[in-house]
N, C-alpha and C. Protein backbone atom coordinates (compact mmCIF):
# COMPACT_ATOMS: atom_id res chain seq x y z
N MET A 1 0.71 -1.55 0.01
CA MET A 1 -0.11 -0.36 -0.19
C MET A 1 0.91 1.10 -0.02
N LEU A 2 2.04 1.26 0.92
CA LEU A 2 3.08 2.67 0.98
C LEU A 2 4.27 1.81 0.42
N LEU A 3 5.02 2.89 -0.45
CA LEU A 3 5.58 2.57 -1.24
C LEU A 3 6.92 4.07 -1.01
N CYS A 4 7.94 3.48 -0.13
CA CYS A 4 8.72 4.71 0.53
C CYS A 4 7.76 6.14 0.95
N GLY A 5 7.30 5.93 1.55
CA GLY A 5 6.28 6.79 2.26
C GLY A 5 5.40 7.67 0.81
N ARG A 6 5.14 6.62 -0.02
CA ARG A 6 4.20 7.23 -1.18
C ARG A 6 3.04 6.02 -0.86
N THR A 7 1.66 6.96 -1.78
CA THR A 7 0.68 6.29 -1.34
C THR A 7 0.44 5.44 -3.13
N THR A 8 0.41 4.21 -3.14
CA THR A 8 0.05 3.68 -4.64
C THR A 8 -1.33 4.06 -5.05
N GLU A 9 -1.34 3.87 -6.61
CA GLU A 9 -2.87 4.43 -6.99
C GLU A 9 -3.68 3.40 -6.41
N GLY A 10 -3.69 2.43 -6.22
CA GLY A 10 -4.63 1.22 -5.72
C GLY A 10 -5.06 1.83 -4.72
N THR A 11 -4.03 2.36 -3.46
CA THR A 11 -4.60 2.61 -2.04
C THR A 11 -5.21 4.05 -2.35
N ARG A 12 -5.08 4.94 -3.14
CA ARG A 12 -5.76 6.13 -3.40
C ARG A 12 -7.24 5.89 -3.99
N SER A 13 -7.49 5.28 -4.71
CA SER A 13 -8.63 4.51 -5.25
C SER A 13 -9.82 4.09 -4.36
N ALA A 14 -8.78 3.27 -3.55
CA ALA A 14 -9.63 2.91 -2.37
C ALA A 14 -10.13 3.85 -1.64
N MET A 15 -9.51 4.66 -1.05
CA MET A 15 -9.71 5.34 -0.14
C MET A 15 -10.77 6.37 -0.51
N LYS A 16 -10.97 6.75 -1.84
CA LYS A 16 -11.85 7.52 -2.21
C LYS A 16 -13.11 6.94 -1.87
N ASP A 17 -13.80 5.91 -1.34
CA ASP A 17 -14.88 4.93 -1.36
C ASP A 17 -15.43 5.96 0.49
N GLY A 18 -14.46 6.15 1.16
CA GLY A 18 -14.54 6.66 2.21
C GLY A 18 -15.35 5.76 3.49
N SER A 19 -15.11 4.54 2.71
CA SER A 19 -16.16 4.04 4.06
C SER A 19 -15.15 3.73 5.22
N PRO A 20 -15.47 3.54 6.13
CA PRO A 20 -15.15 3.45 7.60
C PRO A 20 -14.06 1.52 7.53
N GLN A 21 -14.63 0.75 6.85
CA GLN A 21 -14.11 -0.06 6.85
C GLN A 21 -12.91 -0.21 6.30
N THR A 22 -13.23 0.40 4.81
CA THR A 22 -12.09 0.64 3.89
C THR A 22 -10.78 1.58 4.53
N VAL A 23 -11.11 2.67 5.33
CA VAL A 23 -10.20 3.47 6.01
C VAL A 23 -9.58 2.76 6.83
N LEU A 24 -9.95 1.99 7.54
CA LEU A 24 -9.41 1.16 8.86
C LEU A 24 -8.53 0.25 8.09
N GLN A 25 -8.67 -0.71 7.18
CA GLN A 25 -7.86 -1.18 6.70
C GLN A 25 -6.79 -0.64 6.05
N THR A 26 -6.64 0.37 5.17
CA THR A 26 -5.51 1.13 4.69
C THR A 26 -4.59 1.55 6.21
N LEU A 27 -5.48 2.30 7.20
CA LEU A 27 -4.63 2.94 7.92
C LEU A 27 -4.12 1.75 8.70
N VAL A 28 -4.44 0.32 9.23
CA VAL A 28 -3.51 -0.36 9.86
C VAL A 28 -2.67 -1.09 8.73
N GLY A 29 -2.80 -0.87 7.77
CA GLY A 29 -2.13 -1.74 6.50
C GLY A 29 -0.54 -0.66 6.62
N LEU A 30 -0.56 0.42 7.03
CA LEU A 30 0.59 0.97 6.40
C LEU A 30 2.03 0.98 7.23
N ASP A 31 3.04 0.99 6.08
CA ASP A 31 4.14 0.85 6.52
C ASP A 31 4.55 1.36 8.05
N VAL A 32 5.75 0.99 8.37
CA VAL A 32 6.20 1.57 9.64
C VAL A 32 7.74 1.93 9.32
N PRO A 33 7.93 3.04 9.47
CA PRO A 33 7.97 4.32 10.43
C PRO A 33 6.65 5.09 9.70
N LEU A 34 5.73 5.59 10.03
CA LEU A 34 4.48 6.27 9.41
C LEU A 34 4.97 7.82 9.02
N ARG A 35 4.25 8.35 8.34
CA ARG A 35 4.84 9.62 8.04
C ARG A 35 3.57 10.24 8.44
N ALA A 36 3.80 11.30 8.91
CA ALA A 36 2.20 12.14 9.20
C ALA A 36 1.55 12.69 8.24
N ASP A 37 2.47 13.30 7.01
CA ASP A 37 1.91 13.93 6.25
C ASP A 37 1.13 12.66 5.09
N THR A 38 1.66 11.69 5.20
CA THR A 38 0.90 10.71 4.20
C THR A 38 -0.46 10.40 5.02
N VAL A 39 -0.13 9.95 6.32
CA VAL A 39 -1.81 9.91 7.03
C VAL A 39 -2.94 10.93 6.54
N PHE A 40 -1.98 11.87 7.20
CA PHE A 40 -3.07 12.87 6.97
C PHE A 40 -3.44 13.16 5.26
N ALA A 41 -2.84 12.50 4.40
CA ALA A 41 -3.56 12.97 2.97
C ALA A 41 -4.33 11.88 2.54
N LEU A 42 -4.13 10.71 3.46
CA LEU A 42 -4.92 9.40 3.15
C LEU A 42 -6.47 9.91 3.49
N LEU A 43 -6.31 10.50 4.87
CA LEU A 43 -7.44 11.15 5.69
C LEU A 43 -8.11 12.39 4.84
N ASP A 44 -7.27 13.31 4.39
CA ASP A 44 -7.84 14.57 3.42
C ASP A 44 -8.84 13.53 2.41
N GLN A 45 -8.09 12.62 1.55
CA GLN A 45 -8.99 11.83 0.76
C GLN A 45 -10.10 11.13 1.01
N ALA A 46 -9.76 10.56 2.15
CA ALA A 46 -11.08 9.75 2.20
C ALA A 46 -12.03 10.56 2.81
N PHE A 47 -11.86 11.68 3.49
CA PHE A 47 -13.23 12.55 3.91
C PHE A 47 -12.42 13.32 3.54
N PRO A 48 -13.22 14.25 2.33
CA PRO A 48 -13.11 15.42 1.70
C PRO A 48 -13.97 16.71 2.88
N THR A 49 -14.76 15.72 3.27
CA THR A 49 -15.79 16.55 4.44
C THR A 49 -15.54 16.02 5.54
N GLU A 50 -16.25 16.98 6.58
CA GLU A 50 -16.14 16.36 7.92
C GLU A 50 -16.47 14.84 8.12
N PRO A 51 -15.96 13.63 8.54
CA PRO A 51 -16.40 12.70 8.50
C PRO A 51 -17.59 12.57 9.60
N ASP A 52 -18.71 11.55 9.48
CA ASP A 52 -19.26 11.00 10.44
C ASP A 52 -18.78 10.47 11.40
N ALA A 53 -19.40 10.90 13.47
CA ALA A 53 -18.93 10.62 13.80
C ALA A 53 -18.51 9.25 14.64
N ARG A 54 -19.49 8.86 13.98
CA ARG A 54 -19.53 6.83 14.24
C ARG A 54 -18.57 6.45 13.29
N ALA A 55 -18.19 7.22 12.03
CA ALA A 55 -17.48 6.66 10.72
C ALA A 55 -16.26 7.07 11.74
N SER A 56 -15.85 8.28 12.13
CA SER A 56 -14.40 8.47 12.85
C SER A 56 -14.21 7.27 14.15
N THR A 57 -15.15 7.09 15.05
CA THR A 57 -15.45 6.11 16.31
C THR A 57 -15.04 4.86 15.49
N TYR A 58 -15.70 4.31 14.61
CA TYR A 58 -15.33 3.00 14.27
C TYR A 58 -13.78 2.28 13.69
N VAL A 59 -13.17 3.51 13.23
CA VAL A 59 -11.93 3.73 12.66
C VAL A 59 -10.91 3.64 13.72
N LEU A 60 -11.24 4.16 15.18
CA LEU A 60 -10.44 4.59 15.76
C LEU A 60 -10.43 3.18 16.72
N SER A 61 -11.67 2.93 17.19
CA SER A 61 -11.86 1.49 17.86
C SER A 61 -11.01 0.48 17.04
N GLY A 62 -11.04 0.59 15.87
CA GLY A 62 -10.25 -0.07 14.92
C GLY A 62 -8.95 -0.58 15.23
N LEU A 63 -8.51 1.15 14.89
CA LEU A 63 -6.93 1.63 15.08
C LEU A 63 -6.69 0.73 16.62
N ALA A 64 -7.28 0.91 17.92
CA ALA A 64 -7.20 0.23 18.92
C ALA A 64 -6.84 -0.76 18.79
N LYS A 65 -7.89 -1.65 18.47
CA LYS A 65 -7.84 -3.21 18.39
C LYS A 65 -6.75 -3.71 17.68
N ASN A 66 -6.37 -3.04 17.09
CA ASN A 66 -4.88 -3.48 16.16
C ASN A 66 -3.54 -3.20 17.09
N CYS A 67 -4.05 -2.05 17.98
CA CYS A 67 -2.78 -1.72 18.62
C CYS A 67 -2.24 -0.47 17.40
N ALA A 68 -2.83 -0.11 16.82
CA ALA A 68 -1.97 0.83 15.79
C ALA A 68 -2.36 2.45 16.83
N LEU A 69 -1.67 2.66 17.94
CA LEU A 69 -1.52 3.72 18.58
C LEU A 69 -0.89 5.03 17.85
N ASP A 70 -0.12 4.85 17.16
CA ASP A 70 0.77 6.40 16.37
C ASP A 70 -0.49 6.61 15.33
N VAL A 71 -0.99 5.63 14.76
CA VAL A 71 -2.27 6.20 13.08
C VAL A 71 -3.59 6.60 14.70
N SER A 72 -3.71 6.25 15.59
CA SER A 72 -4.78 6.33 16.34
C SER A 72 -4.09 7.94 16.89
N LEU A 73 -2.87 8.43 17.04
CA LEU A 73 -3.08 9.62 17.64
C LEU A 73 -2.93 10.66 16.39
N LEU A 74 -2.30 10.15 15.13
CA LEU A 74 -2.37 11.16 14.31
C LEU A 74 -3.85 11.50 13.41
N PHE A 75 -5.04 10.02 13.69
CA PHE A 75 -6.41 10.70 13.23
C PHE A 75 -6.73 11.46 14.36
N LEU A 76 -6.37 11.19 15.49
CA LEU A 76 -7.21 12.11 16.66
C LEU A 76 -6.65 13.57 16.29
N PHE A 77 -5.57 13.98 15.96
CA PHE A 77 -4.56 15.51 16.01
C PHE A 77 -5.29 16.07 14.38
N TRP A 78 -5.17 14.95 13.43
CA TRP A 78 -6.21 15.35 12.10
C TRP A 78 -7.93 16.04 12.92
N LEU A 79 -8.46 15.21 13.06
CA LEU A 79 -9.69 15.84 13.53
C LEU A 79 -9.85 16.95 14.26
N LYS A 80 -9.04 17.29 15.11
CA LYS A 80 -8.71 18.44 16.08
C LYS A 80 -8.01 19.81 15.12
N THR A 81 -7.33 19.35 14.35
CA THR A 81 -6.35 20.29 13.55
C THR A 81 -7.32 20.77 12.37
N ASN A 82 -8.21 19.84 11.78
CA ASN A 82 -9.81 20.82 10.73
C ASN A 82 -10.92 20.90 11.65
N ARG A 83 -10.43 21.10 13.14
CA ARG A 83 -12.00 21.38 13.83
C ARG A 83 -13.01 20.61 13.90
N TYR A 84 -12.51 19.42 13.02
CA TYR A 84 -13.87 18.38 12.73
C TYR A 84 -14.15 17.90 14.38
N GLU A 85 -15.52 17.41 14.57
CA GLU A 85 -15.79 16.57 15.84
C GLU A 85 -14.42 15.87 16.68
N ALA A 86 -14.17 15.73 17.68
CA ALA A 86 -13.32 15.15 18.43
C ALA A 86 -14.10 14.82 19.83
N ASN A 87 -14.74 13.84 19.71
CA ASN A 87 -15.81 13.56 21.05
C ASN A 87 -15.20 12.55 21.81
N GLN A 88 -15.79 12.42 23.03
CA GLN A 88 -15.36 11.27 24.20
C GLN A 88 -15.22 10.10 23.84
N TYR A 89 -16.17 9.64 22.49
CA TYR A 89 -16.10 8.12 22.12
C TYR A 89 -14.25 8.01 21.38
N HIS A 90 -13.92 9.14 20.48
CA HIS A 90 -12.79 9.42 19.79
C HIS A 90 -11.55 9.01 20.86
N HIS A 91 -11.82 10.13 21.79
CA HIS A 91 -10.75 9.89 22.78
C HIS A 91 -10.36 8.69 23.56
N ASN A 92 -11.73 8.09 24.12
CA ASN A 92 -11.48 7.03 24.83
C ASN A 92 -10.77 6.13 23.44
N ALA A 93 -11.52 5.83 22.70
CA ALA A 93 -10.06 4.67 21.77
C ALA A 93 -9.23 5.25 21.64
N VAL A 94 -8.54 6.25 21.49
CA VAL A 94 -7.00 6.56 21.66
C VAL A 94 -6.54 6.42 22.69
N ILE A 95 -7.14 6.20 23.99
CA ILE A 95 -6.66 6.34 24.92
C ILE A 95 -6.74 4.51 25.60
N ASP A 96 -8.05 3.73 25.06
CA ASP A 96 -7.77 2.09 24.78
C ASP A 96 -6.21 1.68 24.23
N ALA A 97 -6.18 2.49 22.83
CA ALA A 97 -5.16 2.25 22.05
C ALA A 97 -3.40 2.55 23.12
N CYS A 98 -3.66 3.42 23.86
CA CYS A 98 -2.30 3.44 24.83
C CYS A 98 -2.76 2.29 26.10
N ALA A 99 -3.52 2.42 26.70
CA ALA A 99 -3.60 1.22 27.30
C ALA A 99 -3.16 -0.44 26.84
N LYS A 100 -3.65 -0.46 25.28
CA LYS A 100 -3.25 -1.98 24.92
C LYS A 100 -1.56 -1.83 24.25
N THR A 101 -1.03 -0.61 24.21
CA THR A 101 0.37 -0.33 23.93
C THR A 101 1.49 -0.21 25.34
N GLY A 102 0.64 0.23 26.44
CA GLY A 102 1.33 -0.06 27.25
C GLY A 102 1.94 1.66 28.02
N LYS A 103 1.57 2.40 27.13
CA LYS A 103 1.82 3.84 26.80
C LYS A 103 0.73 4.65 28.12
N TRP A 104 1.43 4.76 29.33
CA TRP A 104 0.49 5.07 30.27
C TRP A 104 0.63 6.86 30.38
N THR A 105 1.82 7.26 30.39
CA THR A 105 1.94 8.52 30.02
C THR A 105 1.06 9.52 28.77
N LYS A 106 1.04 8.89 27.40
CA LYS A 106 0.34 9.36 26.76
C LYS A 106 -1.25 9.27 26.87
N ALA A 107 -1.72 8.26 27.64
CA ALA A 107 -3.21 7.92 28.09
C ALA A 107 -3.53 9.17 28.77
N LEU A 108 -2.34 9.34 30.23
CA LEU A 108 -3.06 10.64 30.69
C LEU A 108 -2.75 11.96 29.58
N HIS A 109 -2.07 11.95 29.10
CA HIS A 109 -2.20 13.41 28.40
C HIS A 109 -3.25 13.79 27.36
N ILE A 110 -4.16 12.23 26.63
CA ILE A 110 -5.39 12.38 25.79
C ILE A 110 -6.29 12.88 27.12
N TYR A 111 -6.17 12.15 28.22
CA TYR A 111 -7.11 12.58 29.18
C TYR A 111 -7.16 14.19 29.87
N SER A 112 -5.96 14.79 29.67
CA SER A 112 -6.07 15.81 29.87
C SER A 112 -6.28 16.91 28.90
N GLU A 113 -6.11 16.31 28.00
CA GLU A 113 -6.61 17.10 26.32
C GLU A 113 -7.62 17.26 26.55
N MET A 114 -8.80 16.17 26.92
CA MET A 114 -10.02 16.32 27.11
C MET A 114 -10.45 16.95 27.87
N ALA A 115 -9.74 17.42 28.84
CA ALA A 115 -10.74 18.41 29.83
C ALA A 115 -10.33 19.75 29.37
N HIS A 116 -9.24 20.19 28.67
CA HIS A 116 -8.52 21.44 28.09
C HIS A 116 -9.61 21.90 26.87
N GLY A 117 -10.09 20.39 26.05
CA GLY A 117 -11.03 20.81 25.35
C GLY A 117 -12.66 20.69 25.17
N ARG A 118 -13.06 20.50 26.87
CA ARG A 118 -14.37 20.80 27.15
C ARG A 118 -15.00 19.28 26.73
N VAL A 119 -14.24 18.03 26.57
CA VAL A 119 -14.65 17.07 26.50
C VAL A 119 -15.22 16.34 27.63
N GLN A 120 -16.35 15.61 27.70
CA GLN A 120 -16.60 15.30 28.88
C GLN A 120 -16.15 13.89 29.00
N ALA A 121 -15.27 13.50 30.43
CA ALA A 121 -14.98 12.48 30.64
C ALA A 121 -15.59 11.49 30.88
N ASN A 122 -15.89 10.03 31.05
CA ASN A 122 -16.95 9.27 31.27
C ASN A 122 -16.77 7.87 31.87
N THR A 123 -17.17 7.22 32.51
CA THR A 123 -16.63 5.85 33.09
C THR A 123 -15.58 5.17 32.07
N VAL A 124 -15.78 4.66 30.68
CA VAL A 124 -14.70 3.99 29.90
C VAL A 124 -13.94 4.93 29.83
N THR A 125 -13.87 6.43 29.90
CA THR A 125 -12.41 7.06 29.74
C THR A 125 -11.57 7.06 30.99
N TYR A 126 -12.21 6.70 31.75
CA TYR A 126 -11.21 6.48 33.52
C TYR A 126 -10.76 5.40 33.64
N ASN A 127 -11.76 4.36 33.13
CA ASN A 127 -11.27 2.98 33.00
C ASN A 127 -10.16 2.44 31.96
N ALA A 128 -10.31 2.95 30.71
CA ALA A 128 -8.90 2.97 29.79
C ALA A 128 -7.72 3.35 30.57
N THR A 129 -7.76 4.90 31.00
CA THR A 129 -6.95 5.35 31.65
C THR A 129 -6.07 4.79 32.78
N ILE A 130 -6.98 4.02 33.67
CA ILE A 130 -6.65 3.44 34.65
C ILE A 130 -5.92 2.01 34.23
N SER A 131 -6.70 1.52 33.10
CA SER A 131 -6.08 0.32 32.92
C SER A 131 -4.78 0.42 32.27
N ALA A 132 -4.26 1.94 31.61
CA ALA A 132 -3.14 1.85 31.01
C ALA A 132 -2.08 1.90 32.05
N CYS A 133 -2.41 2.86 33.03
CA CYS A 133 -1.60 2.90 34.19
C CYS A 133 -1.06 1.37 34.99
N GLU A 134 -2.34 0.47 34.86
CA GLU A 134 -2.54 -0.42 35.63
C GLU A 134 -1.20 -1.54 35.25
N LYS A 135 -1.15 -1.16 33.92
CA LYS A 135 -0.68 -2.31 32.73
C LYS A 135 1.05 -1.85 32.76
N CYS A 136 1.42 -0.84 33.26
CA CYS A 136 2.49 -0.47 33.69
C CYS A 136 3.13 -0.36 34.74
N GLY A 137 2.24 -0.86 35.87
CA GLY A 137 2.23 -0.68 37.05
C GLY A 137 2.42 0.34 37.91
N LYS A 138 1.98 1.42 37.23
CA LYS A 138 1.90 2.59 37.93
C LYS A 138 0.96 2.87 38.83
N TRP A 139 1.15 2.10 39.68
CA TRP A 139 -0.72 2.44 40.80
C TRP A 139 -0.78 3.52 41.32
N LYS A 140 0.53 4.52 41.64
CA LYS A 140 0.14 5.63 41.78
C LYS A 140 -0.94 6.67 41.21
N GLU A 141 -0.58 6.40 40.04
CA GLU A 141 -1.12 7.25 38.79
C GLU A 141 -2.98 6.85 38.47
N ALA A 142 -2.88 5.08 38.80
CA ALA A 142 -4.36 4.70 38.52
C ALA A 142 -5.18 5.06 39.78
N LEU A 143 -4.31 5.03 40.78
CA LEU A 143 -5.18 5.28 42.25
C LEU A 143 -5.45 6.65 42.44
N GLY A 144 -4.73 7.99 41.73
CA GLY A 144 -5.03 9.37 41.77
C GLY A 144 -5.77 9.36 40.44
N MET A 145 -5.96 8.75 39.10
CA MET A 145 -7.34 8.51 37.73
C MET A 145 -8.25 8.31 39.05
N PHE A 146 -8.54 7.44 39.66
CA PHE A 146 -9.23 6.65 40.47
C PHE A 146 -10.14 7.56 41.44
N SER A 147 -9.34 8.39 41.96
CA SER A 147 -9.75 9.79 43.15
C SER A 147 -10.79 10.53 42.17
N VAL A 148 -9.78 10.91 41.26
CA VAL A 148 -10.55 12.07 40.30
C VAL A 148 -11.59 11.94 39.82
N MET A 149 -11.72 10.17 39.07
CA MET A 149 -12.83 9.81 38.89
C MET A 149 -14.06 10.00 39.51
N VAL A 150 -13.88 9.84 40.80
CA VAL A 150 -15.00 9.70 41.98
C VAL A 150 -15.41 11.24 42.52
N GLN A 151 -14.07 12.14 42.42
CA GLN A 151 -14.00 13.63 42.11
C GLN A 151 -15.06 14.36 41.74
N ASN A 152 -15.09 14.01 40.66
CA ASN A 152 -15.89 14.40 38.81
C ASN A 152 -17.12 13.38 39.13
N GLN A 153 -17.54 12.87 40.25
CA GLN A 153 -18.89 12.06 40.37
C GLN A 153 -19.28 11.63 38.90
N VAL A 154 -17.89 10.61 38.77
CA VAL A 154 -18.44 9.94 37.50
C VAL A 154 -18.59 8.49 38.63
N GLU A 155 -19.13 7.43 37.96
CA GLU A 155 -19.52 6.06 38.90
C GLU A 155 -18.47 5.13 38.30
N PRO A 156 -17.58 4.59 39.40
CA PRO A 156 -16.78 3.77 39.09
C PRO A 156 -17.74 2.16 39.01
N ASN A 157 -17.12 1.49 38.05
CA ASN A 157 -17.55 0.45 38.46
C ASN A 157 -16.84 -0.85 38.42
N THR A 158 -16.95 -2.39 38.05
CA THR A 158 -16.36 -3.66 38.21
C THR A 158 -14.97 -3.30 37.63
N ILE A 159 -14.81 -2.64 36.40
CA ILE A 159 -14.11 -2.48 35.47
C ILE A 159 -12.99 -1.87 36.33
N THR A 160 -13.49 -0.74 36.59
CA THR A 160 -12.53 0.51 37.57
C THR A 160 -11.98 -0.18 38.73
N PHE A 161 -12.70 -0.67 39.37
CA PHE A 161 -12.00 -1.37 40.53
C PHE A 161 -10.94 -2.18 40.27
N ASN A 162 -11.30 -3.08 39.59
CA ASN A 162 -10.49 -4.49 38.92
C ASN A 162 -9.26 -4.00 38.62
N ALA A 163 -9.22 -2.88 37.43
CA ALA A 163 -8.17 -1.90 37.06
C ALA A 163 -7.17 -1.31 38.03
N THR A 164 -8.29 -0.52 39.20
CA THR A 164 -7.40 0.03 40.22
C THR A 164 -6.51 -1.13 41.22
N ILE A 165 -7.66 -1.99 41.44
CA ILE A 165 -6.64 -3.10 42.20
C ILE A 165 -5.72 -3.64 42.10
N SER A 166 -5.66 -4.38 40.48
CA SER A 166 -5.02 -4.88 39.81
C SER A 166 -3.56 -3.96 40.01
N ALA A 167 -3.44 -2.73 39.58
CA ALA A 167 -2.40 -1.59 40.00
C ALA A 167 -2.20 -1.54 40.86
N CYS A 168 -2.67 -1.53 42.17
CA CYS A 168 -2.04 -1.44 43.71
C CYS A 168 -1.58 -3.34 44.00
N GLU A 169 -1.67 -4.30 43.72
CA GLU A 169 -1.36 -5.28 43.84
C GLU A 169 -0.11 -5.69 43.08
N LYS A 170 0.22 -5.04 41.69
CA LYS A 170 1.56 -5.03 41.28
C LYS A 170 2.31 -4.04 42.11
N GLY A 171 1.62 -2.82 42.23
CA GLY A 171 2.59 -2.22 43.19
C GLY A 171 2.70 -2.86 44.55
N GLY A 172 2.55 -3.74 44.50
CA GLY A 172 2.92 -4.10 46.27
C GLY A 172 2.53 -3.32 47.10
N GLU A 173 1.23 -2.77 47.05
CA GLU A 173 0.43 -2.10 48.06
C GLU A 173 -1.36 -2.98 48.03
N CYS A 174 -0.99 -4.02 48.67
CA CYS A 174 -1.85 -4.76 49.32
C CYS A 174 -2.99 -4.26 49.74
N GLU A 175 -2.50 -3.24 50.51
CA GLU A 175 -3.43 -2.88 51.85
C GLU A 175 -4.63 -1.75 51.10
N LYS A 176 -3.90 -0.83 50.48
CA LYS A 176 -4.85 -0.10 49.44
C LYS A 176 -5.49 -0.99 48.68
N ALA A 177 -5.39 -2.44 48.13
CA ALA A 177 -6.07 -2.75 47.03
C ALA A 177 -7.31 -3.77 48.01
N LEU A 178 -6.79 -3.89 49.23
CA LEU A 178 -8.00 -4.36 50.06
C LEU A 178 -9.00 -3.32 50.37
N GLN A 179 -8.68 -2.28 51.08
CA GLN A 179 -9.25 -1.12 50.99
C GLN A 179 -10.54 -1.10 49.49
N LEU A 180 -9.59 -0.99 48.81
CA LEU A 180 -10.69 -0.94 47.06
C LEU A 180 -11.39 -2.18 47.62
N PHE A 181 -11.21 -2.80 47.79
CA PHE A 181 -12.28 -4.26 47.46
C PHE A 181 -13.33 -4.09 48.47
N SER A 182 -12.93 -3.58 49.64
CA SER A 182 -14.00 -3.45 50.51
C SER A 182 -14.92 -2.15 50.17
N SER A 183 -14.40 -1.08 49.28
CA SER A 183 -15.21 -0.05 48.71
C SER A 183 -16.41 -0.57 47.71
N MET A 184 -15.79 -1.66 46.96
CA MET A 184 -16.73 -2.00 46.15
C MET A 184 -18.12 -2.53 46.74
N ALA A 185 -18.05 -3.38 47.99
CA ALA A 185 -19.53 -3.62 48.62
C ALA A 185 -20.05 -2.14 49.04
N GLN A 186 -19.84 -1.27 49.77
CA GLN A 186 -19.93 0.08 49.98
C GLN A 186 -20.78 0.92 49.19
N ARG A 187 -20.43 0.81 47.76
CA ARG A 187 -20.55 1.56 46.59
C ARG A 187 -21.53 0.36 45.85
N ARG A 188 -21.92 -0.52 46.49
CA ARG A 188 -22.37 -1.86 45.55
C ARG A 188 -22.30 -2.34 43.78
N VAL A 189 -20.87 -2.12 44.42
CA VAL A 189 -20.57 -2.68 42.91
C VAL A 189 -20.26 -4.36 42.82
N GLU A 190 -20.91 -4.78 41.91
CA GLU A 190 -20.49 -6.45 41.85
C GLU A 190 -18.82 -7.10 41.76
N ALA A 191 -18.53 -7.80 42.51
CA ALA A 191 -16.83 -7.92 42.23
C ALA A 191 -16.88 -8.91 40.89
């Protein structure tokens, strides 16, 4: 699909249909190292006008499933640069890609970008961010995100507790893990 950072004629014509499935397949198939200008050119070609929010969510979620963090970050940047909608689902998908690739600092950065861009974080946002911290053994950061979640009156669920407890366990903070486990019952969250 890419030859020396250039798109082939087949890639260009396939991208013209703009279907989320074609866009996802093309982006996942890009050679590494990625060139931002190549990704942006492909996105401009696939979406000559603002993409449907669901189409963007489909592509970003698919990129996350394929652990394509760099392309996910470029797609989100492209949306914002073009002043297209970049909603919580888009950010959540990129944070999920961060979690899947062990990039906890990028996950925290995307979370903070949401606040600055006035994009409301939800349970999925916090779960993905906490999971990114948990996968890297960053129990303090996971616990900090859990606290922010509660302060922001976003209700933690089983996934939230499990990821935060796991982060504490990985960090050797068994007492904190037990405290969290006890608070699950108080909040009536199933274990």
